[in-house]
């Protein structure tokens, strides 16, 4: 449901968005989603990729096992270098009766040095929702059903630099599911509004070599995080190294883009 909500929202907003091949497909193959399974058939997953307009690459990836009692969905949207708008990530996992959520917009600057970016992206209300990302953060902090999750990994915590990141466990119920679904949609609407901006802080100096170099370096490291995420080992244990490698590369970027095909 949430996958259809969010991907449909992006597709409707960005007419140029089109499906692309994943790293599982050979060069020249038609762009389709790829389905992968474990050797014993107990767990199955699907990954698909799209790009167009200012959306440099957006992937949907899900895998589930009714027998093992878990399901996982992630949508990662990476913005191109025509703007400094943040990227977006919506990751949802259900294990038995608990929802784990990670919803965030990784910045594309050093927030310690850039108060203007911080205030604009995370502190200013968006027209589409009437709320700032910080407002959503405060609502979750004050909701007793939301228990803040803190990773034990310094690698993971170093990636969670967006000040309004939503990282929680939530007891599964129809009410809580709808709450998470609405948060996901509000985040995606806010992201699309930021990506659309044509002037202001997100476009300042965008054509300069300095900004383009900074964006490229930051984007590559940010997008490659899933390869450094300790939890990726769990995926490898389930699906094997070969499938996991192609899955991680698909989450990174377009196999037909020289920036990613060379890595």
Foldseek 3Di string as FASTA:
>chain_A
DLVCLQVVVVCVLFVFKDWDDFLVDDPPDDGDKDKAAFPVRQKIKIKTWIDGDQFQIKMWIKMDGVVQAKIKIKIWTDGDLQWQQFTWIWIWMGHHFKIWIKTDTQGLDDCVPCVPCLCVQANDQDPVPRHGLVVVLVVLVPDPQWDADDDPDPLVVVLPPNPSIRTTMGGHDPVVVVVSSVVSNVSSVSSSRSSPDDDDDGNVPSPPPVSNVSNVVSLQVNQLSCVVPPCLVVVCVRRNDVVSVSVSLRSSHDCVDVVSVVD
